[in-house]
Protein backbone atom coordinates (compact mmCIF):
# COMPACT_ATOMS: atom_id res chain seq x y z
CA MET A 1 -130.75 84.42 -194.15
CA THR A 2 -133.44 82.06 -191.29
CA ARG A 3 -131.08 79.41 -191.67
CA HIS A 4 -127.83 81.28 -191.06
CA LEU A 5 -129.19 83.44 -187.62
CA LYS A 6 -130.14 79.25 -185.97
CA SER A 7 -127.16 78.30 -186.72
CA ARG A 8 -125.03 81.74 -185.01
CA ARG A 9 -127.78 80.38 -182.48
CA SER A 10 -126.95 77.34 -182.10
CA PHE A 11 -123.55 77.55 -182.42
CA VAL A 12 -123.19 80.77 -179.64
CA ARG A 13 -125.56 78.12 -177.24
CA LYS A 14 -122.89 75.32 -177.48
CA LEU A 15 -119.93 77.26 -176.50
CA GLY A 16 -122.17 78.82 -173.91
CA ALA A 17 -122.07 75.58 -173.26
CA GLY A 18 -118.77 73.76 -172.70
CA ALA A 19 -117.04 77.09 -171.42
CA SER A 20 -119.54 76.83 -168.44
CA ALA A 21 -117.99 72.77 -168.40
CA VAL A 22 -114.60 73.94 -168.17
CA LEU A 23 -115.28 77.10 -165.57
CA VAL A 24 -116.80 74.14 -163.48
CA SER A 25 -114.46 71.39 -164.18
CA VAL A 26 -111.49 73.95 -163.10
CA ALA A 27 -113.67 74.73 -159.85
CA GLY A 28 -113.68 70.96 -158.85
CA THR A 29 -110.22 71.29 -159.24
CA ALA A 30 -109.46 73.87 -157.14
CA ARG A 31 -111.07 72.75 -154.24
CA ALA A 32 -109.91 69.32 -154.06
CA GLU A 33 -105.98 70.70 -154.04
CA THR A 34 -107.66 73.16 -151.98
CA PRO A 35 -106.87 72.16 -148.19
CA THR A 36 -109.84 73.45 -145.51
CA ALA A 37 -110.08 74.63 -142.90
CA ASP A 38 -110.70 71.99 -140.79
CA SER A 39 -108.00 69.55 -142.65
CA ALA A 40 -105.34 72.58 -141.95
CA LEU A 41 -106.63 72.24 -137.77
CA ASN A 42 -107.31 68.23 -137.88
CA ALA A 43 -103.34 68.36 -138.86
CA PRO A 44 -102.09 68.97 -134.86
CA LEU A 45 -104.67 66.56 -133.99
CA ARG A 46 -103.74 64.05 -135.82
CA VAL A 47 -99.63 64.74 -134.79
CA ALA A 48 -101.15 65.10 -131.35
CA LEU A 49 -102.42 61.30 -130.95
CA LEU A 50 -99.86 59.12 -132.84
CA GLU A 51 -98.06 60.85 -129.67
CA GLU A 52 -99.98 59.51 -127.34
CA GLU A 53 -100.21 56.32 -128.63
CA LYS A 54 -96.33 55.93 -129.25
CA VAL A 55 -96.56 56.97 -125.38
CA LEU A 56 -99.45 53.91 -124.56
CA ARG A 57 -97.13 51.52 -126.49
CA LYS A 58 -94.48 52.37 -124.46
CA LEU A 59 -96.64 52.69 -120.75
CA HIS A 60 -97.82 48.93 -122.13
CA GLN A 61 -93.90 47.02 -122.89
CA ARG A 62 -93.23 48.20 -119.72
CA PHE A 63 -96.49 47.00 -118.14
CA GLU A 64 -95.41 43.54 -119.02
CA GLN A 65 -92.07 43.49 -118.66
CA ALA A 66 -92.32 44.23 -114.77
CA ILE A 67 -95.23 41.26 -115.02
CA ASP A 68 -92.52 39.03 -116.45
CA GLN A 69 -89.63 39.42 -113.50
CA GLY A 70 -92.56 40.14 -111.27
CA ARG A 71 -91.72 43.80 -110.62
CA HIS A 72 -95.25 43.62 -108.75
CA ASP A 73 -95.50 46.90 -107.22
CA GLU A 74 -94.27 49.08 -110.04
CA VAL A 75 -97.71 47.14 -112.10
CA ILE A 76 -100.04 48.25 -108.76
CA GLY A 77 -98.29 51.21 -109.34
CA MET A 78 -99.48 52.31 -113.34
CA PHE A 79 -103.15 51.51 -111.72
CA THR A 80 -105.52 54.42 -111.39
CA VAL A 81 -107.58 54.56 -107.22
CA ASP A 82 -110.81 53.03 -108.49
CA ALA A 83 -109.32 50.63 -111.64
CA GLU A 84 -110.45 47.25 -111.74
CA VAL A 85 -108.96 43.90 -113.28
CA VAL A 86 -110.33 41.08 -114.48
CA PHE A 87 -109.00 37.51 -114.39
CA ASN A 88 -110.35 34.07 -115.45
CA GLY A 89 -113.84 35.44 -114.44
CA GLY A 90 -113.09 37.19 -111.23
CA ILE A 91 -113.35 41.24 -110.87
CA PHE A 92 -110.20 43.13 -109.45
CA SER A 93 -111.36 46.03 -107.75
CA GLN A 94 -109.56 49.70 -106.53
CA ARG A 95 -105.56 49.54 -106.68
CA ASP A 96 -104.92 49.38 -103.02
CA ASN A 97 -107.24 46.58 -102.61
CA GLY A 98 -108.24 43.71 -105.00
CA VAL A 99 -105.68 45.24 -107.51
CA SER A 100 -102.96 44.92 -105.37
CA ARG A 101 -103.64 41.88 -104.14
CA LEU A 102 -104.17 40.26 -107.35
CA TYR A 103 -101.11 41.10 -108.36
CA ARG A 104 -99.09 41.22 -104.99
CA GLU A 105 -100.18 38.12 -104.42
CA ARG A 106 -102.06 35.28 -106.26
CA PHE A 107 -100.00 35.90 -109.44
CA PRO A 108 -96.64 35.45 -106.87
CA SER A 109 -98.78 32.35 -105.17
CA GLY A 110 -99.09 31.57 -108.75
CA LYS A 111 -95.56 31.61 -111.04
CA THR A 112 -98.29 33.72 -112.66
CA GLY A 113 -97.49 36.81 -115.64
CA GLY A 114 -94.25 35.17 -116.93
CA ARG A 115 -93.45 35.77 -120.80
CA ILE A 116 -93.01 32.11 -122.67
CA ALA A 117 -93.84 31.44 -126.55
CA PRO A 118 -97.53 29.60 -127.58
CA ALA A 119 -97.77 26.66 -126.74
CA PRO A 120 -96.84 24.20 -129.40
CA GLY A 121 -100.44 23.44 -131.93
CA PHE A 122 -101.72 26.68 -130.08
CA GLU A 123 -100.42 29.83 -132.05
CA LEU A 124 -102.21 32.82 -131.79
CA SER A 125 -103.60 33.75 -135.18
CA ALA A 126 -103.00 36.85 -137.13
CA ASP A 127 -106.22 38.26 -135.84
CA GLN A 128 -105.63 37.55 -132.61
CA GLN A 129 -101.85 38.74 -131.97
CA ALA A 130 -103.41 42.46 -133.89
CA ASP A 131 -102.74 44.70 -131.66
CA SER A 132 -104.90 48.46 -131.29
CA VAL A 133 -104.80 51.95 -130.10
CA ASP A 134 -107.78 54.53 -129.96
CA VAL A 135 -107.27 57.67 -128.06
CA SER A 136 -110.24 60.10 -127.58
CA PRO A 137 -109.40 63.34 -129.73
CA ASP A 138 -109.41 65.05 -126.20
CA LEU A 139 -106.32 63.35 -124.93
CA ARG A 140 -107.66 62.31 -121.75
CA ALA A 141 -108.58 58.28 -122.27
CA ALA A 142 -108.22 55.87 -124.50
CA THR A 143 -108.17 51.62 -124.90
CA ALA A 144 -106.34 49.11 -126.57
CA VAL A 145 -105.67 45.66 -127.07
CA PHE A 146 -102.76 44.29 -127.45
CA PRO A 147 -102.24 40.31 -127.41
CA TYR A 148 -100.48 38.00 -124.50
CA SER A 149 -98.88 35.05 -124.69
CA ILE A 150 -98.10 33.85 -120.20
CA GLN A 151 -97.76 31.22 -118.05
CA VAL A 152 -99.80 31.05 -114.98
CA GLY A 153 -99.79 28.27 -112.05
CA VAL A 154 -102.36 28.15 -109.33
CA PRO A 155 -100.58 26.02 -105.96
CA PHE A 156 -101.48 22.92 -105.38
CA GLU A 157 -104.48 22.51 -102.87
CA THR A 158 -103.34 19.34 -101.17
CA GLU A 159 -101.80 18.90 -97.91
CA SER A 160 -99.90 15.64 -99.05
CA SER A 161 -96.40 15.65 -97.40
CA LEU A 162 -94.76 15.48 -101.02
CA ALA A 163 -96.96 18.85 -101.61
CA ALA A 164 -95.32 20.74 -98.88
CA MET A 165 -92.46 19.61 -99.57
CA ALA A 166 -92.72 20.62 -102.60
CA ARG A 167 -93.69 24.01 -101.34
CA LEU A 168 -90.90 23.89 -99.51
CA HIS A 169 -88.25 23.45 -102.85
CA GLY A 170 -90.43 26.76 -104.73
CA GLU A 171 -92.50 24.20 -106.69
CA GLY A 172 -95.71 22.69 -105.73
CA VAL A 173 -97.64 24.82 -108.42
CA ARG A 174 -100.04 23.48 -110.89
CA THR A 175 -98.81 25.84 -114.16
CA TRP A 176 -100.09 26.01 -118.07
CA TRP A 177 -99.72 28.06 -120.40
CA GLU A 178 -102.01 30.98 -121.77
CA GLY A 179 -103.24 33.06 -124.70
CA GLY A 180 -104.96 35.35 -125.41
CA ALA A 181 -106.05 39.72 -125.62
CA TYR A 182 -105.04 42.43 -122.88
CA LYS A 183 -108.16 44.71 -123.14
CA VAL A 184 -107.51 48.22 -121.69
CA THR A 185 -108.85 51.60 -120.85
CA TYR A 186 -106.14 53.57 -120.41
CA ARG A 187 -107.11 57.78 -118.43
CA LYS A 188 -104.53 60.53 -117.50
CA ASP A 189 -104.44 61.54 -114.28
CA ASP A 190 -104.09 65.13 -112.80
CA ALA A 191 -100.41 65.82 -113.98
CA GLY A 192 -101.54 64.53 -117.47
CA SER A 193 -99.89 61.09 -116.91
CA TRP A 194 -101.53 57.94 -118.73
CA MET A 195 -103.18 55.19 -116.40
CA ILE A 196 -104.87 51.97 -116.92
CA SER A 197 -108.21 52.17 -115.55
CA ARG A 198 -108.96 48.70 -116.00
CA LEU A 199 -107.49 45.50 -117.71
CA GLU A 200 -109.58 42.47 -118.70
CA TYR A 201 -107.71 39.01 -119.53
CA ASP A 202 -109.75 37.92 -122.88
CA THR A 203 -108.27 34.27 -122.67
CA GLN A 204 -108.25 32.66 -126.45
CA SER A 205 -106.60 29.37 -125.18
CA ARG A 206 -105.25 27.10 -122.94
CA ALA A 207 -102.60 23.98 -123.12
CA ASP A 208 -101.48 21.70 -120.59
CA TRP A 209 -97.67 23.04 -121.36
CA ARG A 210 -93.93 24.26 -120.01
CA PRO A 211 -91.18 25.79 -122.27
CA GLY A 212 -88.99 22.48 -123.29
CA ARG A 213 -91.95 20.81 -123.89
CA SER A 214 -92.35 19.08 -127.43
CA TYR A 215 -96.49 18.68 -127.13
CA ALA A 216 -99.16 20.78 -125.53
CA GLN A 217 -102.51 19.57 -124.39
CA PRO A 218 -105.36 22.03 -124.22
CA ILE A 219 -106.91 22.12 -120.43
CA SER A 220 -109.73 23.57 -119.22
CA VAL A 221 -109.41 25.83 -116.16
CA GLY A 222 -112.15 26.38 -113.68
CA ARG A 223 -113.26 29.90 -113.39
CA LEU A 224 -112.70 31.97 -109.58
CA SER A 225 -115.80 31.82 -107.93
CA THR A 226 -115.12 31.96 -104.27
CA ARG A 227 -114.79 35.26 -103.00
CA PHE A 228 -112.46 37.31 -101.18
CA PRO A 229 -112.23 37.49 -97.94
CA ALA A 230 -113.30 33.97 -98.10
CA ASP A 231 -110.64 33.29 -100.22
CA PRO A 232 -107.95 35.06 -99.25
CA GLN A 233 -106.39 35.76 -102.89
CA GLY A 234 -109.87 35.87 -104.24
CA PRO A 235 -111.43 38.27 -106.55
CA ASP A 236 -114.07 41.15 -105.10
CA ASP A 237 -116.27 39.84 -107.19
CA VAL A 238 -117.40 37.53 -110.12
CA VAL A 239 -118.83 37.59 -114.13
């Protein structure tokens, strides 16, 4: 009789434990399959972030096209009033001053900014070609990284007759290839439009090369060091 009671109690305990395990398993499955309130609320935000990312990518495409085609007034209009651009060690501040000086004067005089293919042997790595856009949750600010491959140049400083003649024919400019990444910070204005508040040309490599040539050589280019107004096209400050 005693053995029978012990056996019955053991059976009941095992049955209870098994039933509890099943209930826990079912409850866990239910929690995993039932969307949380947070995820339901975040769904519209994720959609909004993706939409803003598309807008920013289109803005950058417009920026590159305008630079490439020499529409510098359009480029300047994409910046905030207090924007700054970092280019070759120089900081060009304020849209209507330094930024305007960079894109209206320095870039055209050096035939700078036009898109060209990477110099042979200097192609950007997969990491360098990767781009990214990160929009803040309040949809008011963003940062981005975009690769670039452009021509950069500076007018020859010599005053020789050959240089003067070259300038008369639209030449007299030393040009090279440059590759790197745009590091961009964006901000929305009061009208809800995205504007560039900071742009840095993060140069990865330079080469003495022009389209049509089959070879390229690495070059070293001095950073901007003379500030405006001592240099009429110079930066407001240097890095």
